[in-house]
Amino acid sequence: MRKSKVETAETHRRIVEVAAGMFRANGIHATGLADIMAAAGLSHGGFYRHFESKDQLVAEACEAGTSGILAALEAAAGERVGADGVRAIVDAYLSPAHRDTAARGCPLAGMGSELARGGPGTRAAASRSADELIALIAGRIGGMGEGDDAQREASRARAVFALSTMIGALTLARIATDPQTSATLLADVRQQLAAIEV
């Protein structure tokens, strides 16, 4: 019996959700399609009914993961703007909880180097993800749509710096084998980013 369009869309969404977590936790290349399909409760043969390639799945998984981290950071910041809003985003991103939950964390930190080597669709999705995170931070700094061109460019430049620093710090904190070193690294970078002029 054929599945309905709703059932097919739900299956597609489930595969993307499972893949997003597995790619962030284990890496893109270390995660096979058969593993993803099995974790989603499906046979490997059904993959190509939903996706043209692994690259398409990676791109969609990156976008899904970004939606999750954006929602979490927006919730952390709430209605706060300026220094308070940026600090709330930085604190949530550079938290031990985010460090310890790679499968639900930022896809740019979880699989950034692999995304950079991905196909055009993957890189385009990762680039959009970075732009969305930059816009979130810039909006708290001074707004992408507020002020003159120079003010918007300055807000965006500070947001690019903050996001790049946050991704690097989270990655290093995950690499650190000593728990105290990892915690100190996160705390030090949170403190330095709190000094960004907004």
N, C-alpha and C. Protein backbone atom coordinates (compact mmCIF):
# COMPACT_ATOMS: atom_id res chain seq x y z
N MET A 1 0.84 -1.19 0.00
CA MET A 1 0.00 0.00 0.00
C MET A 1 0.88 1.24 0.00
N ARG A 2 0.55 2.21 -0.85
CA ARG A 2 1.33 3.45 -0.93
C ARG A 2 1.11 4.30 0.31
N LYS A 3 2.18 4.95 0.72
CA LYS A 3 2.08 5.89 1.84
C LYS A 3 1.44 7.18 1.35
N SER A 4 0.76 7.84 2.25
CA SER A 4 0.19 9.14 1.91
C SER A 4 1.31 10.18 1.87
N LYS A 5 1.01 11.32 1.29
CA LYS A 5 2.01 12.40 1.24
C LYS A 5 2.39 12.85 2.64
N VAL A 6 1.44 12.84 3.54
CA VAL A 6 1.72 13.24 4.93
C VAL A 6 2.67 12.24 5.58
N GLU A 7 2.42 10.95 5.38
CA GLU A 7 3.30 9.92 5.94
C GLU A 7 4.70 9.99 5.33
N THR A 8 4.76 10.24 4.03
CA THR A 8 6.05 10.35 3.35
C THR A 8 6.83 11.55 3.89
N ALA A 9 6.14 12.67 4.07
CA ALA A 9 6.79 13.87 4.61
C ALA A 9 7.27 13.64 6.03
N GLU A 10 6.48 12.92 6.83
CA GLU A 10 6.87 12.63 8.21
C GLU A 10 8.09 11.71 8.24
N THR A 11 8.12 10.73 7.35
CA THR A 11 9.27 9.83 7.27
C THR A 11 10.52 10.61 6.86
N HIS A 12 10.38 11.48 5.89
CA HIS A 12 11.49 12.31 5.43
C HIS A 12 12.02 13.17 6.59
N ARG A 13 11.10 13.80 7.32
CA ARG A 13 11.48 14.64 8.47
C ARG A 13 12.21 13.81 9.51
N ARG A 14 11.73 12.60 9.77
CA ARG A 14 12.36 11.73 10.78
C ARG A 14 13.78 11.36 10.36
N ILE A 15 13.97 11.04 9.09
CA ILE A 15 15.32 10.70 8.60
C ILE A 15 16.25 11.89 8.78
N VAL A 16 15.78 13.08 8.43
CA VAL A 16 16.61 14.29 8.57
C VAL A 16 16.96 14.53 10.03
N GLU A 17 15.99 14.38 10.91
CA GLU A 17 16.22 14.60 12.34
C GLU A 17 17.24 13.62 12.90
N VAL A 18 17.09 12.36 12.56
CA VAL A 18 18.04 11.33 13.02
C VAL A 18 19.43 11.63 12.47
N ALA A 19 19.50 11.93 11.17
CA ALA A 19 20.79 12.22 10.54
C ALA A 19 21.45 13.43 11.16
N ALA A 20 20.67 14.46 11.45
CA ALA A 20 21.24 15.68 12.03
C ALA A 20 21.95 15.37 13.35
N GLY A 21 21.32 14.58 14.19
CA GLY A 21 21.95 14.21 15.46
C GLY A 21 23.17 13.33 15.27
N MET A 22 23.05 12.35 14.39
CA MET A 22 24.18 11.43 14.18
C MET A 22 25.37 12.12 13.52
N PHE A 23 25.12 12.98 12.55
CA PHE A 23 26.22 13.71 11.90
C PHE A 23 26.94 14.60 12.91
N ARG A 24 26.19 15.29 13.76
CA ARG A 24 26.82 16.19 14.74
C ARG A 24 27.58 15.41 15.80
N ALA A 25 27.05 14.26 16.19
CA ALA A 25 27.70 13.48 17.24
C ALA A 25 28.90 12.69 16.73
N ASN A 26 28.79 12.12 15.53
CA ASN A 26 29.81 11.19 15.04
C ASN A 26 30.62 11.68 13.86
N GLY A 27 30.16 12.73 13.20
CA GLY A 27 30.80 13.21 11.99
C GLY A 27 30.06 12.69 10.77
N ILE A 28 30.18 13.41 9.68
CA ILE A 28 29.48 13.06 8.44
C ILE A 28 30.04 11.77 7.85
N HIS A 29 31.35 11.71 7.71
CA HIS A 29 31.97 10.56 7.03
C HIS A 29 31.90 9.29 7.87
N ALA A 30 31.85 9.43 9.18
CA ALA A 30 31.79 8.25 10.05
C ALA A 30 30.37 7.72 10.19
N THR A 31 29.40 8.42 9.64
CA THR A 31 28.00 8.02 9.76
C THR A 31 27.50 7.51 8.41
N GLY A 32 27.23 6.24 8.35
CA GLY A 32 26.76 5.64 7.10
C GLY A 32 25.26 5.79 6.92
N LEU A 33 24.83 5.74 5.68
CA LEU A 33 23.40 5.84 5.38
C LEU A 33 22.63 4.68 5.99
N ALA A 34 23.20 3.49 5.98
CA ALA A 34 22.53 2.33 6.58
C ALA A 34 22.30 2.55 8.07
N ASP A 35 23.28 3.17 8.75
CA ASP A 35 23.14 3.45 10.18
C ASP A 35 22.01 4.44 10.44
N ILE A 36 21.94 5.47 9.61
CA ILE A 36 20.90 6.48 9.76
C ILE A 36 19.52 5.86 9.56
N MET A 37 19.39 5.11 8.48
CA MET A 37 18.09 4.51 8.18
C MET A 37 17.67 3.52 9.27
N ALA A 38 18.61 2.75 9.77
CA ALA A 38 18.29 1.80 10.85
C ALA A 38 17.85 2.55 12.10
N ALA A 39 18.55 3.64 12.44
CA ALA A 39 18.18 4.43 13.62
C ALA A 39 16.82 5.08 13.45
N ALA A 40 16.44 5.35 12.21
CA ALA A 40 15.12 5.92 11.93
C ALA A 40 14.04 4.84 11.83
N GLY A 41 14.45 3.57 11.97
CA GLY A 41 13.51 2.48 11.91
C GLY A 41 13.10 2.10 10.50
N LEU A 42 14.00 2.34 9.54
CA LEU A 42 13.69 2.11 8.14
C LEU A 42 14.77 1.25 7.49
N SER A 43 14.44 0.68 6.33
CA SER A 43 15.43 -0.10 5.61
C SER A 43 16.33 0.82 4.79
N HIS A 44 17.56 0.38 4.58
CA HIS A 44 18.52 1.16 3.81
C HIS A 44 18.02 1.44 2.40
N GLY A 45 17.30 0.50 1.83
CA GLY A 45 16.82 0.65 0.46
C GLY A 45 15.86 1.80 0.26
N GLY A 46 15.22 2.27 1.32
CA GLY A 46 14.26 3.36 1.21
C GLY A 46 14.88 4.74 1.12
N PHE A 47 16.20 4.82 1.33
CA PHE A 47 16.85 6.14 1.36
C PHE A 47 16.60 6.94 0.09
N TYR A 48 16.77 6.31 -1.05
CA TYR A 48 16.70 7.05 -2.32
C TYR A 48 15.28 7.39 -2.75
N ARG A 49 14.30 6.96 -1.99
CA ARG A 49 12.94 7.45 -2.23
C ARG A 49 12.76 8.84 -1.63
N HIS A 50 13.69 9.22 -0.74
CA HIS A 50 13.57 10.51 -0.05
C HIS A 50 14.67 11.51 -0.44
N PHE A 51 15.83 11.00 -0.84
CA PHE A 51 16.98 11.87 -1.11
C PHE A 51 17.70 11.42 -2.37
N GLU A 52 18.23 12.40 -3.10
CA GLU A 52 19.01 12.07 -4.29
C GLU A 52 20.41 11.59 -3.92
N SER A 53 20.93 12.09 -2.79
CA SER A 53 22.31 11.78 -2.41
C SER A 53 22.50 12.02 -0.91
N LYS A 54 23.63 11.56 -0.42
CA LYS A 54 23.99 11.85 0.97
C LYS A 54 24.21 13.34 1.14
N ASP A 55 24.75 14.01 0.12
CA ASP A 55 24.97 15.45 0.18
C ASP A 55 23.66 16.20 0.44
N GLN A 56 22.58 15.76 -0.21
CA GLN A 56 21.28 16.40 0.03
C GLN A 56 20.85 16.20 1.47
N LEU A 57 21.05 14.99 2.00
CA LEU A 57 20.69 14.72 3.39
C LEU A 57 21.53 15.57 4.34
N VAL A 58 22.82 15.67 4.07
CA VAL A 58 23.70 16.48 4.92
C VAL A 58 23.22 17.94 4.93
N ALA A 59 22.89 18.47 3.76
CA ALA A 59 22.42 19.85 3.66
C ALA A 59 21.15 20.05 4.48
N GLU A 60 20.21 19.14 4.33
CA GLU A 60 18.95 19.26 5.08
C GLU A 60 19.18 19.06 6.58
N ALA A 61 20.09 18.17 6.94
CA ALA A 61 20.40 17.96 8.35
C ALA A 61 21.06 19.19 8.96
N CYS A 62 21.91 19.86 8.20
CA CYS A 62 22.55 21.09 8.66
C CYS A 62 21.49 22.16 8.92
N GLU A 63 20.57 22.30 7.99
CA GLU A 63 19.51 23.30 8.16
C GLU A 63 18.62 22.97 9.35
N ALA A 64 18.29 21.69 9.53
CA ALA A 64 17.46 21.29 10.67
C ALA A 64 18.19 21.55 11.99
N GLY A 65 19.48 21.23 12.03
CA GLY A 65 20.27 21.48 13.24
C GLY A 65 20.37 22.96 13.55
N THR A 66 20.49 23.77 12.51
CA THR A 66 20.57 25.21 12.71
C THR A 66 19.26 25.75 13.27
N SER A 67 18.15 25.25 12.77
CA SER A 67 16.85 25.68 13.30
C SER A 67 16.77 25.42 14.80
N GLY A 68 17.27 24.26 15.21
CA GLY A 68 17.24 23.92 16.63
C GLY A 68 18.11 24.83 17.48
N ILE A 69 19.33 25.10 17.02
CA ILE A 69 20.22 25.94 17.83
C ILE A 69 19.74 27.39 17.82
N LEU A 70 19.19 27.86 16.70
CA LEU A 70 18.63 29.21 16.65
C LEU A 70 17.50 29.36 17.66
N ALA A 71 16.60 28.38 17.70
CA ALA A 71 15.49 28.43 18.65
C ALA A 71 16.00 28.46 20.08
N ALA A 72 17.01 27.65 20.37
CA ALA A 72 17.56 27.61 21.73
C ALA A 72 18.21 28.94 22.11
N LEU A 73 18.96 29.53 21.18
CA LEU A 73 19.63 30.80 21.47
C LEU A 73 18.64 31.95 21.57
N GLU A 74 17.61 31.93 20.72
CA GLU A 74 16.57 32.97 20.81
C GLU A 74 15.83 32.86 22.14
N ALA A 75 15.55 31.65 22.57
CA ALA A 75 14.89 31.45 23.86
C ALA A 75 15.77 31.93 25.01
N ALA A 76 17.07 31.66 24.90
CA ALA A 76 18.00 32.09 25.96
C ALA A 76 18.05 33.61 26.05
N ALA A 77 18.04 34.28 24.90
CA ALA A 77 18.13 35.75 24.89
C ALA A 77 16.81 36.40 25.25
N GLY A 78 15.70 35.75 24.92
CA GLY A 78 14.40 36.34 25.19
C GLY A 78 14.25 37.67 24.51
N GLU A 79 13.78 38.63 25.23
CA GLU A 79 13.56 39.98 24.69
C GLU A 79 14.77 40.89 24.88
N ARG A 80 15.83 40.37 25.47
CA ARG A 80 17.00 41.21 25.76
C ARG A 80 17.73 41.59 24.48
N VAL A 81 18.16 42.83 24.44
CA VAL A 81 18.95 43.33 23.31
C VAL A 81 20.23 43.95 23.86
N GLY A 82 21.08 44.41 22.97
CA GLY A 82 22.32 45.04 23.39
C GLY A 82 23.22 44.03 24.08
N ALA A 83 24.01 44.51 25.01
CA ALA A 83 24.99 43.67 25.70
C ALA A 83 24.33 42.50 26.42
N ASP A 84 23.16 42.73 27.02
CA ASP A 84 22.48 41.65 27.74
C ASP A 84 22.04 40.54 26.79
N GLY A 85 21.53 40.91 25.62
CA GLY A 85 21.10 39.92 24.64
C GLY A 85 22.27 39.11 24.09
N VAL A 86 23.36 39.80 23.76
CA VAL A 86 24.54 39.11 23.24
C VAL A 86 25.11 38.19 24.32
N ARG A 87 25.19 38.67 25.54
CA ARG A 87 25.73 37.86 26.64
C ARG A 87 24.90 36.60 26.84
N ALA A 88 23.58 36.71 26.75
CA ALA A 88 22.71 35.54 26.92
C ALA A 88 22.97 34.51 25.82
N ILE A 89 23.16 34.97 24.59
CA ILE A 89 23.45 34.06 23.47
C ILE A 89 24.81 33.40 23.68
N VAL A 90 25.80 34.19 24.03
CA VAL A 90 27.16 33.66 24.24
C VAL A 90 27.15 32.65 25.39
N ASP A 91 26.49 33.00 26.48
CA ASP A 91 26.45 32.09 27.64
C ASP A 91 25.78 30.77 27.30
N ALA A 92 24.70 30.83 26.52
CA ALA A 92 24.01 29.59 26.14
C ALA A 92 24.86 28.75 25.19
N TYR A 93 25.50 29.41 24.24
CA TYR A 93 26.31 28.70 23.25
C TYR A 93 27.55 28.09 23.89
N LEU A 94 28.21 28.85 24.75
CA LEU A 94 29.45 28.39 25.38
C LEU A 94 29.20 27.79 26.76
N SER A 95 28.12 27.06 26.87
CA SER A 95 27.78 26.42 28.14
C SER A 95 28.28 24.97 28.16
N PRO A 96 28.54 24.45 29.34
CA PRO A 96 28.90 23.03 29.43
C PRO A 96 27.82 22.13 28.84
N ALA A 97 26.56 22.51 28.97
CA ALA A 97 25.47 21.69 28.42
C ALA A 97 25.58 21.59 26.90
N HIS A 98 25.87 22.71 26.22
CA HIS A 98 26.02 22.68 24.77
C HIS A 98 27.26 21.88 24.39
N ARG A 99 28.33 22.07 25.12
CA ARG A 99 29.56 21.31 24.86
C ARG A 99 29.31 19.81 24.93
N ASP A 100 28.51 19.40 25.91
CA ASP A 100 28.32 17.98 26.19
C ASP A 100 27.21 17.32 25.38
N THR A 101 26.49 18.09 24.59
CA THR A 101 25.38 17.52 23.80
C THR A 101 25.58 17.84 22.32
N ALA A 102 26.65 17.34 21.77
CA ALA A 102 26.98 17.62 20.36
C ALA A 102 25.86 17.21 19.43
N ALA A 103 25.17 16.13 19.73
CA ALA A 103 24.11 15.64 18.84
C ALA A 103 22.95 16.62 18.72
N ARG A 104 22.79 17.50 19.69
CA ARG A 104 21.71 18.50 19.64
C ARG A 104 22.26 19.91 19.51
N GLY A 105 23.56 20.04 19.28
CA GLY A 105 24.19 21.34 19.26
C GLY A 105 24.31 21.96 17.89
N CYS A 106 25.14 22.98 17.83
CA CYS A 106 25.35 23.73 16.60
C CYS A 106 26.02 22.87 15.54
N PRO A 107 25.43 22.75 14.36
CA PRO A 107 26.05 21.94 13.32
C PRO A 107 27.37 22.52 12.82
N LEU A 108 27.55 23.82 12.91
CA LEU A 108 28.80 24.42 12.44
C LEU A 108 29.96 24.03 13.34
N ALA A 109 29.71 23.91 14.63
CA ALA A 109 30.76 23.45 15.55
C ALA A 109 30.91 21.94 15.49
N GLY A 110 29.81 21.23 15.29
CA GLY A 110 29.84 19.78 15.30
C GLY A 110 30.42 19.14 14.05
N MET A 111 30.29 19.82 12.92
CA MET A 111 30.76 19.21 11.68
C MET A 111 31.33 20.22 10.70
N GLY A 112 31.82 21.35 11.23
CA GLY A 112 32.28 22.45 10.38
C GLY A 112 33.33 22.09 9.36
N SER A 113 34.38 21.38 9.75
CA SER A 113 35.43 21.08 8.78
C SER A 113 34.92 20.15 7.69
N GLU A 114 34.00 19.25 8.04
CA GLU A 114 33.44 18.36 7.02
C GLU A 114 32.47 19.12 6.11
N LEU A 115 31.74 20.07 6.67
CA LEU A 115 30.83 20.88 5.84
C LEU A 115 31.63 21.68 4.82
N ALA A 116 32.78 22.17 5.23
CA ALA A 116 33.62 22.96 4.32
C ALA A 116 34.11 22.14 3.14
N ARG A 117 34.23 20.83 3.32
CA ARG A 117 34.69 19.96 2.24
C ARG A 117 33.54 19.28 1.52
N GLY A 118 32.31 19.64 1.87
CA GLY A 118 31.15 19.01 1.26
C GLY A 118 30.90 19.54 -0.14
N GLY A 119 29.87 19.00 -0.75
CA GLY A 119 29.47 19.43 -2.08
C GLY A 119 28.83 20.80 -2.05
N PRO A 120 28.49 21.33 -3.21
CA PRO A 120 27.91 22.67 -3.28
C PRO A 120 26.64 22.83 -2.45
N GLY A 121 25.77 21.82 -2.44
CA GLY A 121 24.54 21.92 -1.65
C GLY A 121 24.82 21.98 -0.16
N THR A 122 25.77 21.18 0.27
CA THR A 122 26.15 21.17 1.69
C THR A 122 26.76 22.51 2.09
N ARG A 123 27.69 23.00 1.29
CA ARG A 123 28.33 24.29 1.62
C ARG A 123 27.32 25.44 1.60
N ALA A 124 26.39 25.39 0.66
CA ALA A 124 25.36 26.44 0.59
C ALA A 124 24.48 26.41 1.85
N ALA A 125 24.10 25.21 2.30
CA ALA A 125 23.30 25.10 3.52
C ALA A 125 24.08 25.58 4.73
N ALA A 126 25.36 25.22 4.81
CA ALA A 126 26.19 25.67 5.93
C ALA A 126 26.37 27.18 5.91
N SER A 127 26.52 27.74 4.73
CA SER A 127 26.67 29.19 4.60
C SER A 127 25.39 29.91 5.06
N ARG A 128 24.23 29.37 4.67
CA ARG A 128 22.96 29.95 5.13
C ARG A 128 22.85 29.84 6.65
N SER A 129 23.30 28.72 7.19
CA SER A 129 23.25 28.53 8.64
C SER A 129 24.10 29.58 9.34
N ALA A 130 25.31 29.80 8.83
CA ALA A 130 26.18 30.82 9.42
C ALA A 130 25.53 32.19 9.33
N ASP A 131 24.94 32.50 8.18
CA ASP A 131 24.28 33.80 8.01
C ASP A 131 23.14 34.00 9.00
N GLU A 132 22.38 32.93 9.26
CA GLU A 132 21.27 33.03 10.21
C GLU A 132 21.78 33.27 11.63
N LEU A 133 22.85 32.57 12.01
CA LEU A 133 23.41 32.77 13.35
C LEU A 133 24.03 34.16 13.48
N ILE A 134 24.69 34.63 12.43
CA ILE A 134 25.26 35.98 12.43
C ILE A 134 24.15 37.00 12.57
N ALA A 135 23.07 36.82 11.82
CA ALA A 135 21.95 37.77 11.89
C ALA A 135 21.34 37.80 13.29
N LEU A 136 21.24 36.64 13.93
CA LEU A 136 20.70 36.60 15.30
C LEU A 136 21.56 37.44 16.24
N ILE A 137 22.87 37.24 16.16
CA ILE A 137 23.77 37.98 17.05
C ILE A 137 23.79 39.46 16.69
N ALA A 138 23.88 39.76 15.39
CA ALA A 138 23.90 41.17 14.95
C ALA A 138 22.63 41.89 15.36
N GLY A 139 21.51 41.19 15.32
CA GLY A 139 20.24 41.79 15.74
C GLY A 139 20.25 42.20 17.19
N ARG A 140 20.97 41.45 18.02
CA ARG A 140 21.06 41.81 19.44
C ARG A 140 22.10 42.91 19.64
N ILE A 141 23.11 42.93 18.79
CA ILE A 141 24.14 43.96 18.92
C ILE A 141 23.59 45.33 18.57
N GLY A 142 22.90 45.41 17.45
CA GLY A 142 22.39 46.71 17.05
C GLY A 142 21.43 46.61 15.91
N GLY A 143 21.24 45.41 15.43
CA GLY A 143 20.25 45.19 14.39
C GLY A 143 20.82 45.25 13.00
N MET A 144 20.49 44.23 12.23
CA MET A 144 20.91 44.21 10.84
C MET A 144 20.12 45.23 10.04
N GLY A 145 18.93 45.57 10.47
CA GLY A 145 18.10 46.49 9.71
C GLY A 145 18.04 47.88 10.29
N GLU A 146 18.77 48.11 11.37
CA GLU A 146 18.73 49.40 12.04
C GLU A 146 19.94 50.24 11.67
N GLY A 147 19.77 51.55 11.73
CA GLY A 147 20.88 52.47 11.51
C GLY A 147 21.27 52.57 10.06
N ASP A 148 22.36 53.26 9.84
CA ASP A 148 22.85 53.44 8.47
C ASP A 148 23.68 52.23 8.06
N ASP A 149 24.16 52.26 6.82
CA ASP A 149 24.94 51.14 6.30
C ASP A 149 26.17 50.86 7.15
N ALA A 150 26.84 51.89 7.60
CA ALA A 150 28.06 51.71 8.40
C ALA A 150 27.74 51.02 9.72
N GLN A 151 26.63 51.39 10.35
CA GLN A 151 26.24 50.76 11.62
C GLN A 151 25.88 49.29 11.41
N ARG A 152 25.15 49.00 10.35
CA ARG A 152 24.78 47.62 10.06
C ARG A 152 26.02 46.78 9.77
N GLU A 153 26.94 47.33 9.00
CA GLU A 153 28.18 46.61 8.70
C GLU A 153 29.00 46.37 9.96
N ALA A 154 29.03 47.37 10.85
CA ALA A 154 29.78 47.21 12.10
C ALA A 154 29.14 46.14 12.99
N SER A 155 27.81 46.13 13.07
CA SER A 155 27.11 45.10 13.85
C SER A 155 27.38 43.72 13.28
N ARG A 156 27.33 43.62 11.97
CA ARG A 156 27.57 42.33 11.32
C ARG A 156 29.01 41.87 11.55
N ALA A 157 29.96 42.79 11.45
CA ALA A 157 31.37 42.43 11.65
C ALA A 157 31.59 41.91 13.08
N ARG A 158 30.99 42.56 14.06
CA ARG A 158 31.13 42.10 15.45
C ARG A 158 30.46 40.74 15.63
N ALA A 159 29.33 40.54 14.95
CA ALA A 159 28.63 39.25 15.03
C ALA A 159 29.45 38.13 14.39
N VAL A 160 30.09 38.43 13.26
CA VAL A 160 30.95 37.45 12.60
C VAL A 160 32.10 37.06 13.54
N PHE A 161 32.71 38.06 14.17
CA PHE A 161 33.79 37.80 15.12
C PHE A 161 33.29 36.94 16.27
N ALA A 162 32.13 37.30 16.83
CA ALA A 162 31.59 36.56 17.98
C ALA A 162 31.29 35.11 17.60
N LEU A 163 30.60 34.91 16.48
CA LEU A 163 30.25 33.55 16.09
C LEU A 163 31.50 32.72 15.79
N SER A 164 32.44 33.28 15.08
CA SER A 164 33.68 32.56 14.77
C SER A 164 34.40 32.15 16.06
N THR A 165 34.45 33.05 17.01
CA THR A 165 35.10 32.78 18.29
C THR A 165 34.34 31.71 19.06
N MET A 166 33.01 31.79 19.04
CA MET A 166 32.20 30.82 19.76
C MET A 166 32.35 29.42 19.18
N ILE A 167 32.34 29.31 17.86
CA ILE A 167 32.50 28.00 17.22
C ILE A 167 33.87 27.42 17.56
N GLY A 168 34.90 28.23 17.46
CA GLY A 168 36.25 27.78 17.78
C GLY A 168 36.39 27.37 19.23
N ALA A 169 35.84 28.16 20.13
CA ALA A 169 35.94 27.86 21.55
C ALA A 169 35.20 26.57 21.91
N LEU A 170 34.01 26.41 21.35
CA LEU A 170 33.25 25.19 21.63
C LEU A 170 33.99 23.96 21.10
N THR A 171 34.56 24.09 19.93
CA THR A 171 35.33 22.98 19.35
C THR A 171 36.52 22.64 20.23
N LEU A 172 37.28 23.64 20.66
CA LEU A 172 38.43 23.39 21.52
C LEU A 172 38.01 22.80 22.86
N ALA A 173 36.90 23.27 23.41
CA ALA A 173 36.41 22.75 24.68
C ALA A 173 36.03 21.27 24.56
N ARG A 174 35.51 20.90 23.39
CA ARG A 174 35.17 19.49 23.17
C ARG A 174 36.42 18.64 22.96
N ILE A 175 37.46 19.22 22.41
CA ILE A 175 38.71 18.50 22.19
C ILE A 175 39.46 18.26 23.50
N ALA A 176 39.41 19.22 24.41
CA ALA A 176 40.19 19.15 25.65
C ALA A 176 39.88 17.86 26.42
N THR A 177 40.92 17.18 26.83
CA THR A 177 40.74 15.93 27.57
C THR A 177 40.59 16.17 29.07
N ASP A 178 41.06 17.31 29.56
CA ASP A 178 40.95 17.64 30.97
C ASP A 178 39.68 18.46 31.19
N PRO A 179 38.76 17.99 32.03
CA PRO A 179 37.51 18.71 32.24
C PRO A 179 37.69 20.15 32.74
N GLN A 180 38.69 20.37 33.59
CA GLN A 180 38.93 21.72 34.11
C GLN A 180 39.42 22.65 33.00
N THR A 181 40.31 22.15 32.15
CA THR A 181 40.80 22.94 31.02
C THR A 181 39.64 23.33 30.11
N SER A 182 38.75 22.38 29.85
CA SER A 182 37.60 22.62 29.00
C SER A 182 36.69 23.68 29.60
N ALA A 183 36.40 23.55 30.88
CA ALA A 183 35.52 24.51 31.55
C ALA A 183 36.14 25.90 31.60
N THR A 184 37.43 25.96 31.87
CA THR A 184 38.13 27.25 31.92
C THR A 184 38.13 27.92 30.55
N LEU A 185 38.35 27.14 29.51
CA LEU A 185 38.34 27.68 28.15
C LEU A 185 36.99 28.33 27.86
N LEU A 186 35.90 27.64 28.15
CA LEU A 186 34.57 28.21 27.92
C LEU A 186 34.36 29.49 28.73
N ALA A 187 34.75 29.46 29.99
CA ALA A 187 34.58 30.63 30.85
C ALA A 187 35.41 31.81 30.37
N ASP A 188 36.65 31.55 29.98
CA ASP A 188 37.52 32.64 29.51
C ASP A 188 36.97 33.30 28.26
N VAL A 189 36.49 32.49 27.32
CA VAL A 189 35.97 33.06 26.08
C VAL A 189 34.65 33.78 26.33
N ARG A 190 33.80 33.25 27.20
CA ARG A 190 32.56 33.97 27.57
C ARG A 190 32.90 35.35 28.12
N GLN A 191 33.90 35.39 28.98
CA GLN A 191 34.31 36.67 29.59
C GLN A 191 34.84 37.64 28.53
N GLN A 192 35.66 37.16 27.62
CA GLN A 192 36.22 38.04 26.59
C GLN A 192 35.12 38.55 25.64
N LEU A 193 34.19 37.68 25.28
CA LEU A 193 33.12 38.10 24.36
C LEU A 193 32.16 39.06 25.05
N ALA A 194 32.05 38.97 26.38
CA ALA A 194 31.18 39.91 27.09
C ALA A 194 31.68 41.34 26.97
N ALA A 195 32.96 41.48 26.62
CA ALA A 195 33.53 42.83 26.49
C ALA A 195 33.30 43.44 25.12
N ILE A 196 32.64 42.71 24.21
CA ILE A 196 32.38 43.29 22.88
C ILE A 196 31.52 44.52 23.03
N GLU A 197 31.92 45.56 22.40
CA GLU A 197 31.17 46.82 22.45
C GLU A 197 29.95 46.69 21.55
N VAL A 198 28.77 46.89 22.14
CA VAL A 198 27.53 46.77 21.35
C VAL A 198 26.80 48.10 21.26
